[in-house]
Amino acid sequence: MKTKGTIIKRTVSNKKYYYHKYLEDGKQRNEILTEKDAYSIGFKIYFSGDNIDEFLSHEFKLDVSYGESLFQLSNPYRSFKKRFCFADIEDFLTNNYVGKVLILYGLRRTGKTTLMFQSINSLSIKEFSKAAYIKCNKGDTIYDLFDDLKYLTNNGFSYIYIDEVTLLEDFVSLSSTLSDIYGLKAKIILSGTDSLGFSISIHNELYDRYKLIHTTYISYKEFAVTLGVNSIDQFIEYGGTMSLEGIDYNKTIKTEDGYVNEYVDSSIIHNIIHSLKNVDNGKYFFHLYDLYEKNELENVINRIIEDNNHRFAISVIEQDFKSHDYGSLKKLLSSPRNYQQFGDVLKGVNEEKLLKDLMDALNIINKKKQTHKIDSNVLLELEHYLYELDVLASIKEVIYPSYNEIKKMIFTQPGLRYSQAKTLIEILLDDPKLKQYDLKVQNALKEKFLSDIKGRMIEEIIIYETSLYHKDTFKMNFATDGEFDMVVLNNEKQTSDIYEIKYTDSMYAEQFKHLVNQQLVAIFEKKYYPIEHKYVLYRGDKDEGEVTYLNIEDYLVNLH
C-alpha cells in the first residue's frame, strides 16, 4: 500500500532536518525522520506506478537499485567534492534534452561512477523516488536492459543511470533505442569503461542524439581543487585518475611472467582492444586486424606510449627497442653536475639484460620477431583512437628562422608516462651490478632519474594547460641559439609574455638567460607582439626582479 503525506526537508545552521508530514484521524502530524528513513518513506509516498507492492516484488533482469537500496549505494559519495563537469550533468537534468542521452565518456578511475552517484544525490527526495541505477555486467544483454527500462518507465521512473553499459553485447549497434525510445520518457545517463565503444556509437547510431561529457583529461587545477592536494609532484605521479590511490592503478607488478603495468593494461590498451573486437565483429579494426590476430597490437600501442618524443614514427617502432629514458639517464649522470657522484654507477650494468627486462615489462617485441608490417595506415589509425580516448593531445612549437609550426603530440595522462619511467628505474635497480652500491647511492640514482623525467613532463603539462585557456600558446625554438619554453600571445592587448619552465625550487641567473637575450628578443618582437612580461615558472616562492619568478602550482591553479 502506498504511504500518504509528504516529506519536508529543512536546513538550519547547515544541518539538515527531515519530517514526514501527514494527516491522521483528521489531525496534522509531523514525524521527525533520519535522512535514510526520509528517502525510504519518500519513495513509498512519491512512487507513481500503478501498484507499489507488485513493483517491489518484481525481478529485474539486470542489477537495478532504487529507493532505499539506491540511497545506501549513493550515500557514501555525498561528501565528495564535485568535478568541474558536474554543472554539465545538472544542465542535462534541468533543461530540455528530450530524445537525447547523456554520456559520461572517459577512461577508468576518472570519476564517472562517482559523478553518477553525486548526480543522484543532488535530486530532491521526490525526484529521487523516480530514480534508478542500473549496473551492467558481463553476460547481460542489451535486450535485458530494454526489458528493465520498459518496466521502469511504465512505473514513472524518469531519472535512469546506466553504468558499464558498453559491456552489453550489441550496445553500439542498438544504442539509438536508448535515445529514440527511452530518451523520450526519462533522463537517461550512460557511463562505461569502454570509452571507444561510446566514440563509435556517437559517430554512428547516436549521431546527434546525445550530450557528451569527457572525464579522461583532468587538469592540474581540477586535480588540486577536487582532491585538495596542491602538489605538482603528486599530479605527475597520480595524474589521470581522480584518486590519491591512483598509484595503485599505475604501479608495476612483478609476476612469474615478467612485469605487468596495471594502468597501461587496463585503462588504455585493453580499452582499445576490447572496443575493436566487440563492436560489430571487429568491423572497425581496418588495418589493425592483422596486428590483433597475431597478438601484436598491444606491443605497437605500448611502443607508441614509450617513445619519448611521442611521435608516431615508423622507424622508432620498427627499430630494435632502445629505452629513451635509459639514454636520458646515462646523459644525466654523466653531466658535470652529477659525474663526480654518479659517473661510474652504470659501468658494468648488464644493459642487454636491463633492456630485455624492460621490454618484458612493457610487453614489447623487436622488429625481427614482428610478423606484421607496421605502416603509416596502422599508425594513423592508432593515433586516431588515442585522440578519441583523450589520451593524446598536441602542443605547438614554432621553429626559427622559417617560423614553421609543428605539432608535438603529448600524453594527457601524466601518471601513465611517469609509471613507465618508474618501471625502468625499478628494473635497473634490480641489476646485480647496481645492488653492490649502498642504498644511499641507489636512492640518489632513482631520485635523479625521476626528477629529470618530471622536469620534462612539467613543460608539456604547463604548455598544454595554458593553451586550453589561451589559444595562441606555443614553444619558440631558435635552433642553436636557444628557446623560449613557452610564449603566450595576447591578441586583444597585442602583447606577448615569455616563460622559462624549470623543475627546481631555487633561483639563479642561468635559468633565464634566453629570456633576457636581446638578440632573441629582437628576433621574436620583429615577428610577434612586444614582450610585456618575462617569467620563470618553478617550484619555489614568487619573486620579482628583472624576470618574475612564479610558483608552478599557483600558476596552474590560477589559470583562467
Protein backbone atom coordinates (compact mmCIF):
# COMPACT_ATOMS: atom_id res chain seq x y z
CA MET A 1 0.00 0.00 0.00
CA LYS A 2 1.21 3.46 -0.87
CA THR A 3 2.22 5.73 2.04
CA LYS A 4 0.43 9.09 2.27
CA GLY A 5 1.75 12.54 3.14
CA THR A 6 4.83 14.45 2.09
CA ILE A 7 8.48 14.75 3.11
CA ILE A 8 9.73 18.14 4.32
CA LYS A 9 13.42 19.00 4.39
CA ARG A 10 14.73 21.98 6.33
CA THR A 11 18.30 23.24 6.74
CA VAL A 12 19.20 25.12 9.92
CA SER A 13 22.80 26.26 10.55
CA ASN A 14 23.97 23.92 7.75
CA LYS A 15 22.29 20.96 9.45
CA LYS A 16 19.53 19.06 7.62
CA TYR A 17 16.26 18.01 9.28
CA TYR A 18 13.61 15.75 7.74
CA TYR A 19 9.91 15.47 8.60
CA HIS A 20 7.09 13.23 7.44
CA LYS A 21 4.01 15.45 7.25
CA TYR A 22 0.66 13.61 7.01
CA LEU A 23 -2.97 13.57 8.19
CA GLU A 24 -4.13 11.04 10.77
CA ASP A 25 -7.68 10.97 12.13
CA GLY A 26 -8.17 14.45 10.72
CA LYS A 27 -5.13 15.81 12.55
CA GLN A 28 -1.86 17.09 11.05
CA ARG A 29 1.13 15.02 12.10
CA ASN A 30 4.86 15.84 11.80
CA GLU A 31 7.20 12.91 12.37
CA ILE A 32 10.94 13.58 12.66
CA LEU A 33 12.94 11.26 10.41
CA THR A 34 16.53 10.24 9.88
CA GLU A 35 17.87 11.04 6.43
CA LYS A 36 17.78 7.35 5.48
CA ASP A 37 14.14 6.98 6.58
CA ALA A 38 13.21 10.19 4.77
CA TYR A 39 14.38 8.71 1.47
CA SER A 40 12.84 5.29 2.21
CA ILE A 41 9.43 6.68 3.15
CA GLY A 42 9.70 9.29 0.39
CA PHE A 43 9.95 6.54 -2.19
CA LYS A 44 6.70 4.99 -0.94
CA ILE A 45 4.97 8.39 -0.96
CA TYR A 46 6.08 9.57 -4.39
CA PHE A 47 6.08 6.27 -6.28
CA SER A 48 3.93 6.95 -9.34
CA GLY A 49 3.37 3.44 -10.68
CA ASP A 50 0.07 1.57 -10.51
CA ASN A 51 0.99 -0.95 -7.81
CA ILE A 52 3.91 -0.41 -5.46
CA ASP A 53 3.71 -3.88 -3.89
CA GLU A 54 3.87 -5.51 -7.30
CA PHE A 55 6.79 -3.27 -8.26
CA LEU A 56 8.75 -4.09 -5.09
CA SER A 57 8.42 -7.83 -5.80
CA HIS A 58 9.40 -7.52 -9.46
CA GLU A 59 12.58 -9.37 -10.50
CA PHE A 60 14.70 -7.26 -12.82
CA LYS A 61 16.99 -8.89 -15.34
CA LEU A 62 19.91 -6.58 -14.58
CA ASP A 63 21.26 -5.23 -11.31
CA VAL A 64 18.74 -2.42 -10.58
CA SER A 65 18.80 -0.21 -7.46
CA TYR A 66 16.13 2.27 -6.37
CA GLY A 67 14.61 3.65 -3.19
CA GLU A 68 16.37 2.55 -0.01
CA SER A 69 18.97 0.39 -1.79
CA LEU A 70 19.88 3.33 -4.04
CA PHE A 71 20.25 5.58 -1.01
CA GLN A 72 22.67 3.08 0.52
CA LEU A 73 24.72 2.97 -2.69
CA SER A 74 24.88 6.71 -3.30
CA ASN A 75 25.17 7.98 0.29
CA PRO A 76 28.97 7.45 0.68
CA TYR A 77 29.53 9.89 -2.21
CA ARG A 78 27.73 12.83 -0.57
CA SER A 79 30.90 14.21 0.98
CA PHE A 80 32.99 14.02 -2.20
CA LYS A 81 33.90 17.26 -3.94
CA LYS A 82 32.44 17.57 -7.41
CA ARG A 83 34.40 17.63 -10.64
CA PHE A 84 34.20 20.77 -12.77
CA CYS A 85 31.99 18.99 -15.34
CA PHE A 86 29.23 18.36 -12.78
CA ALA A 87 27.47 21.52 -13.92
CA ASP A 88 27.01 19.91 -17.34
CA ILE A 89 25.14 17.00 -15.74
CA GLU A 90 22.85 19.43 -13.91
CA ASP A 91 22.24 21.21 -17.21
CA PHE A 92 21.12 17.93 -18.79
CA LEU A 93 18.79 17.13 -15.90
CA THR A 94 17.14 20.53 -15.71
CA ASN A 95 16.90 21.58 -19.37
CA ASN A 96 15.16 20.27 -22.45
CA TYR A 97 17.11 17.32 -23.85
CA VAL A 98 14.12 15.19 -24.88
CA GLY A 99 15.15 12.33 -27.12
CA LYS A 100 18.80 12.53 -26.10
CA VAL A 101 21.03 10.66 -23.69
CA LEU A 102 23.89 11.94 -21.53
CA ILE A 103 27.19 10.07 -21.90
CA LEU A 104 29.96 10.16 -19.30
CA TYR A 105 32.92 9.30 -21.50
CA GLY A 106 36.37 8.50 -20.13
CA LEU A 107 38.96 6.01 -19.02
CA ARG A 108 38.61 4.10 -15.76
CA ARG A 109 39.36 5.89 -12.50
CA THR A 110 38.34 9.27 -13.89
CA GLY A 111 35.24 9.62 -11.69
CA LYS A 112 32.37 8.51 -13.96
CA THR A 113 30.53 6.37 -11.40
CA THR A 114 31.19 8.97 -8.69
CA LEU A 115 29.60 11.63 -10.91
CA MET A 116 26.56 9.42 -11.36
CA PHE A 117 26.03 8.96 -7.63
CA GLN A 118 26.68 12.65 -6.96
CA SER A 119 24.02 13.47 -9.53
CA ILE A 120 21.60 11.05 -7.85
CA ASN A 121 22.32 12.73 -4.51
CA SER A 122 21.58 16.15 -5.99
CA LEU A 123 17.97 15.14 -6.74
CA SER A 124 15.16 16.21 -4.44
CA ILE A 125 13.53 13.41 -2.45
CA LYS A 126 10.57 13.48 -4.85
CA GLU A 127 12.90 13.20 -7.85
CA PHE A 128 14.99 10.57 -6.07
CA SER A 129 11.88 8.38 -5.76
CA LYS A 130 11.76 8.29 -9.56
CA ALA A 131 15.46 7.48 -9.99
CA ALA A 132 17.09 4.12 -10.67
CA TYR A 133 20.71 3.00 -11.03
CA ILE A 134 21.43 0.05 -13.32
CA LYS A 135 24.79 -1.76 -13.16
CA CYS A 136 25.53 -3.81 -16.27
CA ASN A 137 27.73 -6.88 -16.01
CA LYS A 138 29.43 -9.23 -18.44
CA GLY A 139 26.86 -11.66 -19.81
CA ASP A 140 23.99 -9.16 -19.64
CA THR A 141 22.38 -8.24 -22.95
CA ILE A 142 21.01 -5.04 -24.41
CA TYR A 143 17.63 -6.78 -24.65
CA ASP A 144 17.65 -7.39 -20.88
CA LEU A 145 18.29 -3.68 -20.43
CA PHE A 146 15.41 -2.77 -22.73
CA ASP A 147 13.04 -5.00 -20.71
CA ASP A 148 14.08 -3.35 -17.44
CA LEU A 149 13.84 0.15 -18.92
CA LYS A 150 10.36 -0.57 -20.20
CA TYR A 151 9.20 -1.70 -16.76
CA LEU A 152 10.86 1.27 -15.00
CA THR A 153 9.48 3.93 -17.33
CA ASN A 154 6.00 2.37 -17.26
CA ASN A 155 6.15 2.84 -13.48
CA GLY A 156 7.03 6.51 -13.67
CA PHE A 157 10.82 6.41 -13.34
CA SER A 158 12.23 9.49 -15.05
CA TYR A 159 15.92 9.54 -13.96
CA ILE A 160 17.77 6.40 -15.02
CA TYR A 161 21.53 5.97 -14.61
CA ILE A 162 23.08 3.07 -16.54
CA ASP A 163 26.66 2.17 -15.57
CA GLU A 164 29.07 -0.01 -17.60
CA VAL A 165 26.61 -0.04 -20.49
CA THR A 166 29.38 -0.75 -23.01
CA LEU A 167 29.73 -4.25 -21.54
CA LEU A 168 26.45 -5.17 -23.20
CA GLU A 169 26.75 -7.07 -26.44
CA ASP A 170 25.23 -5.17 -29.38
CA PHE A 171 25.26 -1.92 -27.39
CA VAL A 172 26.86 0.06 -30.23
CA SER A 173 24.50 -1.20 -32.95
CA LEU A 174 21.36 -0.71 -30.84
CA SER A 175 22.32 2.32 -28.74
CA SER A 176 19.93 4.63 -30.62
CA THR A 177 16.99 2.81 -28.99
CA LEU A 178 18.07 4.38 -25.69
CA SER A 179 17.70 7.88 -27.10
CA ASP A 180 14.84 7.42 -29.58
CA ILE A 181 12.56 5.41 -27.28
CA TYR A 182 13.57 5.78 -23.64
CA GLY A 183 15.08 9.24 -24.03
CA LEU A 184 11.53 10.46 -24.69
CA LYS A 185 10.31 9.06 -21.36
CA ALA A 186 13.18 9.69 -18.96
CA LYS A 187 16.53 11.35 -18.43
CA ILE A 188 18.98 8.61 -19.44
CA ILE A 189 22.58 8.91 -18.18
CA LEU A 190 25.11 6.41 -19.54
CA SER A 191 28.60 5.50 -18.44
CA GLY A 192 31.13 2.78 -19.19
CA THR A 193 34.80 1.89 -19.09
CA ASP A 194 34.83 1.16 -22.82
CA SER A 195 35.18 4.76 -23.97
CA LEU A 196 35.99 3.81 -27.54
CA GLY A 197 32.69 1.95 -27.79
CA PHE A 198 30.94 5.21 -26.94
CA SER A 199 33.04 7.04 -29.51
CA ILE A 200 31.98 4.64 -32.25
CA SER A 201 28.33 4.93 -31.12
CA ILE A 202 28.17 8.71 -31.24
CA HIS A 203 29.66 8.78 -34.72
CA ASN A 204 27.15 6.20 -35.95
CA GLU A 205 23.98 5.10 -34.12
CA LEU A 206 23.52 8.00 -31.68
CA TYR A 207 24.76 10.67 -34.10
CA ASP A 208 23.17 13.95 -32.82
CA ARG A 209 21.08 12.40 -30.05
CA TYR A 210 23.49 12.72 -27.16
CA LYS A 211 25.23 15.14 -24.81
CA LEU A 212 28.82 14.16 -24.14
CA ILE A 213 30.89 14.83 -21.02
CA HIS A 214 34.60 13.95 -21.23
CA THR A 215 36.15 12.77 -17.96
CA THR A 216 39.55 11.47 -19.09
CA TYR A 217 41.50 14.71 -19.04
CA ILE A 218 41.92 16.05 -15.52
CA SER A 219 43.73 19.37 -15.36
CA TYR A 220 46.09 20.24 -12.53
CA LYS A 221 43.61 22.85 -11.29
CA GLU A 222 40.77 20.33 -11.12
CA PHE A 223 43.04 17.72 -9.51
CA ALA A 224 44.14 20.22 -6.85
CA VAL A 225 40.72 21.73 -6.13
CA THR A 226 38.74 18.48 -6.16
CA LEU A 227 41.19 16.34 -4.21
CA GLY A 228 42.55 19.18 -2.06
CA VAL A 229 46.17 18.44 -2.98
CA ASN A 230 48.20 21.34 -4.37
CA SER A 231 51.30 19.41 -5.44
CA ILE A 232 52.72 19.21 -8.96
CA ASP A 233 54.70 16.11 -7.93
CA GLN A 234 51.56 14.25 -6.90
CA PHE A 235 49.83 15.37 -10.08
CA ILE A 236 52.64 13.88 -12.16
CA GLU A 237 52.60 10.65 -10.16
CA TYR A 238 48.81 10.22 -9.94
CA GLY A 239 47.62 12.43 -12.81
CA GLY A 240 44.94 10.79 -14.94
CA THR A 241 42.94 9.47 -12.00
CA MET A 242 40.59 11.15 -9.56
CA SER A 243 42.05 9.34 -6.57
CA LEU A 244 45.10 9.67 -4.37
CA GLU A 245 45.20 5.89 -4.52
CA GLY A 246 45.70 6.29 -8.25
CA ILE A 247 49.21 4.96 -7.84
CA ASP A 248 47.62 1.52 -7.41
CA TYR A 249 46.49 1.80 -11.00
CA ASN A 250 49.86 2.93 -12.31
CA LYS A 251 52.15 0.59 -10.43
CA THR A 252 54.31 -2.12 -11.92
CA ILE A 253 53.86 -5.62 -10.53
CA LYS A 254 56.46 -8.34 -10.95
CA THR A 255 54.89 -11.70 -11.74
CA GLU A 256 56.14 -15.11 -12.89
CA ASP A 257 55.60 -13.92 -16.48
CA GLY A 258 57.55 -10.69 -16.04
CA TYR A 259 56.32 -7.20 -15.23
CA VAL A 260 52.73 -6.05 -15.60
CA ASN A 261 51.75 -2.39 -15.67
CA GLU A 262 48.18 -2.26 -14.37
CA TYR A 263 47.29 1.23 -15.56
CA VAL A 264 48.53 0.75 -19.12
CA ASP A 265 46.97 -2.68 -19.49
CA SER A 266 43.56 -1.93 -18.04
CA SER A 267 42.96 1.70 -18.87
CA ILE A 268 44.18 2.26 -22.41
CA ILE A 269 45.35 -0.81 -24.28
CA HIS A 270 42.52 -3.11 -23.20
CA ASN A 271 40.05 -0.28 -23.82
CA ILE A 272 41.07 -0.13 -27.47
CA ILE A 273 41.30 -3.88 -27.96
CA HIS A 274 38.02 -4.59 -26.15
CA SER A 275 36.21 -1.98 -28.21
CA LEU A 276 37.54 -3.05 -31.57
CA LYS A 277 36.93 -6.75 -31.12
CA ASN A 278 33.45 -6.37 -29.62
CA VAL A 279 31.97 -3.76 -31.93
CA ASP A 280 30.27 -5.28 -35.00
CA ASN A 281 32.60 -8.29 -35.09
CA GLY A 282 35.77 -6.24 -35.49
CA LYS A 283 34.29 -4.03 -38.21
CA TYR A 284 36.40 -1.05 -37.09
CA PHE A 285 39.77 -2.80 -36.99
CA PHE A 286 40.67 -1.86 -40.58
CA HIS A 287 44.50 -2.09 -40.85
CA LEU A 288 44.84 -3.18 -37.21
CA TYR A 289 43.17 -6.56 -37.67
CA ASP A 290 46.35 -8.48 -38.58
CA LEU A 291 48.14 -6.96 -35.59
CA TYR A 292 45.30 -8.04 -33.32
CA GLU A 293 45.21 -11.60 -34.71
CA LYS A 294 48.96 -12.00 -34.18
CA ASN A 295 48.75 -10.56 -30.62
CA GLU A 296 51.00 -7.64 -31.60
CA LEU A 297 48.54 -4.77 -31.25
CA GLU A 298 49.40 -4.30 -27.57
CA ASN A 299 53.09 -4.16 -28.47
CA VAL A 300 52.57 -1.39 -31.02
CA ILE A 301 50.42 0.71 -28.68
CA ASN A 302 52.99 0.34 -25.92
CA ARG A 303 55.84 1.30 -28.24
CA ILE A 304 53.99 4.49 -29.15
CA ILE A 305 53.44 5.34 -25.50
CA GLU A 306 57.07 4.66 -24.57
CA ASP A 307 58.52 6.78 -27.38
CA ASN A 308 59.98 9.72 -25.52
CA ASN A 309 59.19 12.20 -28.30
CA HIS A 310 55.60 10.95 -28.58
CA ARG A 311 55.88 10.77 -32.37
CA PHE A 312 54.13 8.17 -34.47
CA ALA A 313 57.34 7.37 -36.33
CA ILE A 314 57.59 4.04 -38.10
CA SER A 315 61.35 3.96 -37.67
CA VAL A 316 61.01 4.29 -33.89
CA ILE A 317 58.61 1.39 -33.66
CA GLU A 318 60.39 -0.93 -36.09
CA GLN A 319 63.94 -0.40 -34.90
CA ASP A 320 65.32 -2.65 -32.17
CA PHE A 321 63.93 -1.30 -28.93
CA LYS A 322 66.05 1.18 -27.03
CA SER A 323 64.68 2.96 -23.99
CA HIS A 324 64.84 6.71 -24.44
CA ASP A 325 64.51 7.13 -20.69
CA TYR A 326 67.60 4.97 -20.13
CA GLY A 327 69.61 7.02 -22.63
CA SER A 328 68.49 10.16 -20.83
CA LEU A 329 69.60 8.65 -17.53
CA LYS A 330 73.13 7.96 -18.81
CA LYS A 331 73.44 11.53 -20.11
CA LEU A 332 72.12 12.92 -16.85
CA LEU A 333 74.60 11.00 -14.71
CA SER A 334 77.49 11.97 -16.97
CA SER A 335 76.81 15.70 -16.80
CA PRO A 336 79.39 17.87 -14.95
CA ARG A 337 77.00 18.44 -12.07
CA ASN A 338 76.47 14.71 -11.40
CA TYR A 339 79.53 12.94 -12.79
CA GLN A 340 81.64 13.02 -9.64
CA GLN A 341 78.95 11.23 -7.60
CA PHE A 342 77.30 9.04 -10.24
CA GLY A 343 79.60 8.84 -13.27
CA ASP A 344 80.70 5.25 -12.58
CA VAL A 345 77.38 3.92 -11.32
CA LEU A 346 76.24 2.45 -14.64
CA LYS A 347 79.59 0.94 -15.54
CA GLY A 348 79.30 -2.82 -15.64
CA VAL A 349 75.49 -2.84 -15.67
CA ASN A 350 74.19 -5.60 -17.93
CA GLU A 351 72.44 -3.32 -20.41
CA GLU A 352 71.28 -6.21 -22.59
CA LYS A 353 69.51 -7.81 -19.64
CA LEU A 354 68.20 -4.43 -18.50
CA LEU A 355 66.60 -3.69 -21.85
CA LYS A 356 65.21 -7.23 -22.12
CA ASP A 357 63.58 -6.89 -18.69
CA LEU A 358 62.21 -3.50 -19.67
CA MET A 359 60.78 -4.93 -22.90
CA ASP A 360 59.16 -7.72 -20.89
CA ALA A 361 57.69 -5.15 -18.52
CA LEU A 362 56.15 -3.20 -21.38
CA ASN A 363 55.30 -6.27 -23.47
CA ILE A 364 57.43 -5.01 -26.36
CA ILE A 365 58.88 -7.18 -29.14
CA ASN A 366 61.65 -6.35 -31.58
CA LYS A 367 61.38 -5.93 -35.32
CA LYS A 368 62.83 -9.37 -36.12
CA LYS A 369 60.03 -11.01 -34.08
CA GLN A 370 57.25 -8.92 -35.60
CA THR A 371 55.22 -10.72 -38.24
CA HIS A 372 53.12 -7.75 -39.34
CA LYS A 373 54.37 -4.82 -41.37
CA ILE A 374 53.77 -1.61 -39.44
CA ASP A 375 52.95 1.10 -41.96
CA SER A 376 51.58 4.63 -41.86
CA ASN A 377 47.97 3.41 -42.03
CA VAL A 378 48.39 1.42 -38.81
CA LEU A 379 49.93 4.38 -37.04
CA LEU A 380 47.30 6.85 -38.26
CA GLU A 381 44.50 4.58 -37.02
CA LEU A 382 46.13 4.13 -33.62
CA GLU A 383 46.75 7.85 -33.39
CA HIS A 384 43.08 8.44 -34.16
CA TYR A 385 41.90 6.02 -31.45
CA LEU A 386 44.24 7.54 -28.84
CA TYR A 387 42.92 11.01 -29.65
CA GLU A 388 39.35 9.68 -29.39
CA LEU A 389 40.17 8.35 -25.92
CA ASP A 390 41.56 11.76 -24.92
CA VAL A 391 44.88 10.05 -24.22
CA LEU A 392 46.68 12.05 -26.89
CA ALA A 393 46.69 15.82 -27.36
CA SER A 394 49.07 18.23 -29.06
CA ILE A 395 51.04 21.37 -28.30
CA LYS A 396 52.55 23.79 -30.82
CA GLU A 397 56.20 24.62 -31.45
CA VAL A 398 57.44 27.39 -33.76
CA ILE A 399 60.86 26.97 -35.41
CA TYR A 400 63.02 29.98 -36.33
CA PRO A 401 64.04 31.15 -38.98
CA SER A 402 61.27 29.53 -41.07
CA TYR A 403 58.60 30.14 -38.42
CA ASN A 404 57.16 26.79 -39.38
CA GLU A 405 54.68 25.41 -36.86
CA ILE A 406 54.92 21.80 -35.82
CA LYS A 407 52.52 19.89 -33.60
CA LYS A 408 54.11 17.86 -30.86
CA MET A 409 51.93 15.04 -29.58
CA ILE A 410 51.75 14.62 -25.82
CA PHE A 411 50.02 12.20 -23.48
CA THR A 412 47.35 13.72 -21.27
CA GLN A 413 47.85 11.07 -18.57
CA PRO A 414 50.91 12.11 -16.52
CA GLY A 415 50.63 9.02 -14.33
CA LEU A 416 50.98 6.80 -17.37
CA ARG A 417 54.22 8.41 -18.53
CA TYR A 418 55.59 8.53 -15.02
CA SER A 419 54.72 4.90 -14.33
CA GLN A 420 56.79 3.76 -17.31
CA ALA A 421 59.75 5.79 -16.08
CA LYS A 422 59.39 4.12 -12.68
CA THR A 423 59.25 0.74 -14.38
CA LEU A 424 62.67 1.39 -15.90
CA ILE A 425 64.35 2.53 -12.70
CA GLU A 426 62.90 -0.37 -10.69
CA ILE A 427 64.25 -2.85 -13.24
CA LEU A 428 67.56 -1.01 -13.29
CA LEU A 429 67.94 -1.15 -9.51
CA ASP A 430 67.25 -4.89 -9.69
CA ASP A 431 70.50 -5.41 -11.61
CA PRO A 432 73.16 -7.23 -9.52
CA LYS A 433 75.81 -4.68 -10.52
CA LEU A 434 73.74 -1.89 -9.00
CA LYS A 435 72.89 -3.83 -5.88
CA GLN A 436 76.54 -3.71 -4.89
CA TYR A 437 76.15 0.02 -4.20
CA ASP A 438 74.80 1.12 -0.86
CA LEU A 439 71.18 2.26 -0.53
CA LYS A 440 72.17 5.93 -0.41
CA VAL A 441 73.61 5.72 -3.92
CA GLN A 442 70.69 3.66 -5.22
CA ASN A 443 68.13 6.07 -3.78
CA ALA A 444 70.02 9.08 -5.08
CA LEU A 445 70.19 7.48 -8.51
CA LYS A 446 66.45 6.85 -8.52
CA GLU A 447 65.72 10.41 -7.36
CA LYS A 448 67.97 11.93 -10.05
CA PHE A 449 66.31 9.93 -12.80
CA LEU A 450 62.73 10.60 -11.73
CA SER A 451 63.45 14.32 -11.24
CA ASP A 452 64.71 14.50 -14.81
CA ILE A 453 61.54 12.79 -16.05
CA LYS A 454 59.36 15.17 -14.04
CA GLY A 455 61.22 18.18 -15.42
CA ARG A 456 60.48 17.12 -18.98
CA MET A 457 56.86 16.36 -18.15
CA ILE A 458 56.21 19.68 -16.38
CA GLU A 459 56.99 21.66 -19.51
CA GLU A 460 54.44 19.70 -21.54
CA ILE A 461 51.81 19.97 -18.81
CA ILE A 462 52.16 23.75 -18.49
CA ILE A 463 52.16 24.47 -22.22
CA TYR A 464 49.13 22.24 -22.82
CA GLU A 465 47.06 23.55 -19.91
CA THR A 466 47.89 27.15 -20.80
CA SER A 467 46.80 26.50 -24.39
CA LEU A 468 43.37 25.41 -23.13
CA TYR A 469 42.79 28.97 -21.90
CA HIS A 470 44.96 30.92 -24.34
CA LYS A 471 44.77 29.70 -27.92
CA ASP A 472 48.00 31.35 -29.08
CA THR A 473 50.37 29.45 -26.80
CA PHE A 474 53.48 27.77 -28.18
CA LYS A 475 57.14 26.95 -27.66
CA MET A 476 59.62 29.14 -29.58
CA ASN A 477 62.74 27.37 -30.82
CA PHE A 478 65.63 29.48 -32.13
CA ALA A 479 67.55 26.41 -33.35
CA THR A 480 71.13 26.56 -32.00
CA ASP A 481 70.62 29.90 -30.23
CA GLY A 482 68.20 28.77 -27.55
CA GLU A 483 64.46 28.74 -26.93
CA PHE A 484 61.58 30.31 -25.05
CA ASP A 485 59.95 27.37 -23.25
CA MET A 486 56.53 28.99 -23.62
CA VAL A 487 55.09 32.02 -25.40
CA VAL A 488 51.59 33.39 -24.79
CA LEU A 489 50.23 35.98 -27.22
CA ASN A 490 47.55 38.42 -26.08
CA ASN A 491 45.81 39.41 -29.31
CA GLU A 492 43.47 41.83 -27.56
CA LYS A 493 46.28 43.84 -25.92
CA GLN A 494 48.75 43.00 -28.74
CA THR A 495 51.44 41.99 -26.25
CA SER A 496 53.42 38.83 -25.53
CA ASP A 497 54.56 37.01 -22.39
CA ILE A 498 57.56 34.66 -22.47
CA TYR A 499 58.39 31.89 -20.00
CA GLU A 500 61.16 29.60 -18.84
CA ILE A 501 59.94 26.42 -17.10
CA LYS A 502 62.12 24.68 -14.50
CA TYR A 503 61.65 21.71 -12.19
CA THR A 504 63.56 23.33 -9.32
CA ASP A 505 62.84 25.34 -6.19
CA SER A 506 65.96 27.50 -6.42
CA MET A 507 66.77 30.66 -8.43
CA TYR A 508 69.89 31.52 -10.40
CA ALA A 509 70.57 33.81 -13.36
CA GLU A 510 71.47 30.98 -15.76
CA GLN A 511 67.79 29.95 -15.71
CA PHE A 512 66.56 32.99 -17.61
CA LYS A 513 69.50 33.74 -19.89
CA HIS A 514 67.36 33.19 -23.02
CA LEU A 515 64.58 35.46 -21.74
CA VAL A 516 66.99 38.41 -21.42
CA ASN A 517 68.96 37.65 -24.57
CA GLN A 518 68.47 40.87 -26.57
CA GLN A 519 69.16 39.15 -29.88
CA LEU A 520 66.46 36.54 -29.32
CA VAL A 521 64.05 39.17 -28.01
CA ALA A 522 64.61 41.32 -31.12
CA ILE A 523 64.03 38.36 -33.45
CA PHE A 524 60.85 37.46 -31.61
CA GLU A 525 59.39 41.00 -31.45
CA LYS A 526 60.06 41.55 -35.16
CA LYS A 527 57.56 38.76 -35.92
CA TYR A 528 55.20 38.93 -32.94
CA TYR A 529 53.94 41.47 -30.38
CA PRO A 530 56.21 43.38 -27.97
CA ILE A 531 57.11 41.39 -24.84
CA GLU A 532 55.25 42.67 -21.78
CA HIS A 533 56.30 40.12 -19.14
CA LYS A 534 59.15 37.67 -18.64
CA TYR A 535 58.58 34.79 -16.23
CA VAL A 536 60.34 31.78 -14.79
CA LEU A 537 57.93 29.10 -13.61
CA TYR A 538 59.46 26.94 -10.88
CA ARG A 539 58.56 25.21 -7.58
CA GLY A 540 59.67 27.98 -5.23
CA ASP A 541 58.07 31.18 -3.95
CA LYS A 542 57.12 34.21 -6.03
CA ASP A 543 59.91 36.72 -6.57
CA GLU A 544 60.02 39.88 -8.69
CA GLY A 545 63.12 41.28 -10.37
CA GLU A 546 64.47 41.57 -13.89
CA VAL A 547 62.46 38.40 -14.53
CA THR A 548 59.46 37.50 -12.36
CA TYR A 549 59.53 34.09 -10.69
CA LEU A 550 56.14 32.37 -10.30
CA ASN A 551 55.30 29.17 -8.46
CA ILE A 552 54.18 26.45 -10.90
CA GLU A 553 51.34 25.23 -8.71
CA ASP A 554 49.98 28.74 -8.12
CA TYR A 555 50.24 29.47 -11.84
CA LEU A 556 48.25 26.36 -12.87
CA VAL A 557 45.58 26.80 -10.20
CA ASN A 558 45.02 30.43 -11.21
CA LEU A 559 44.85 29.84 -14.97
CA HIS A 560 41.68 31.39 -16.37
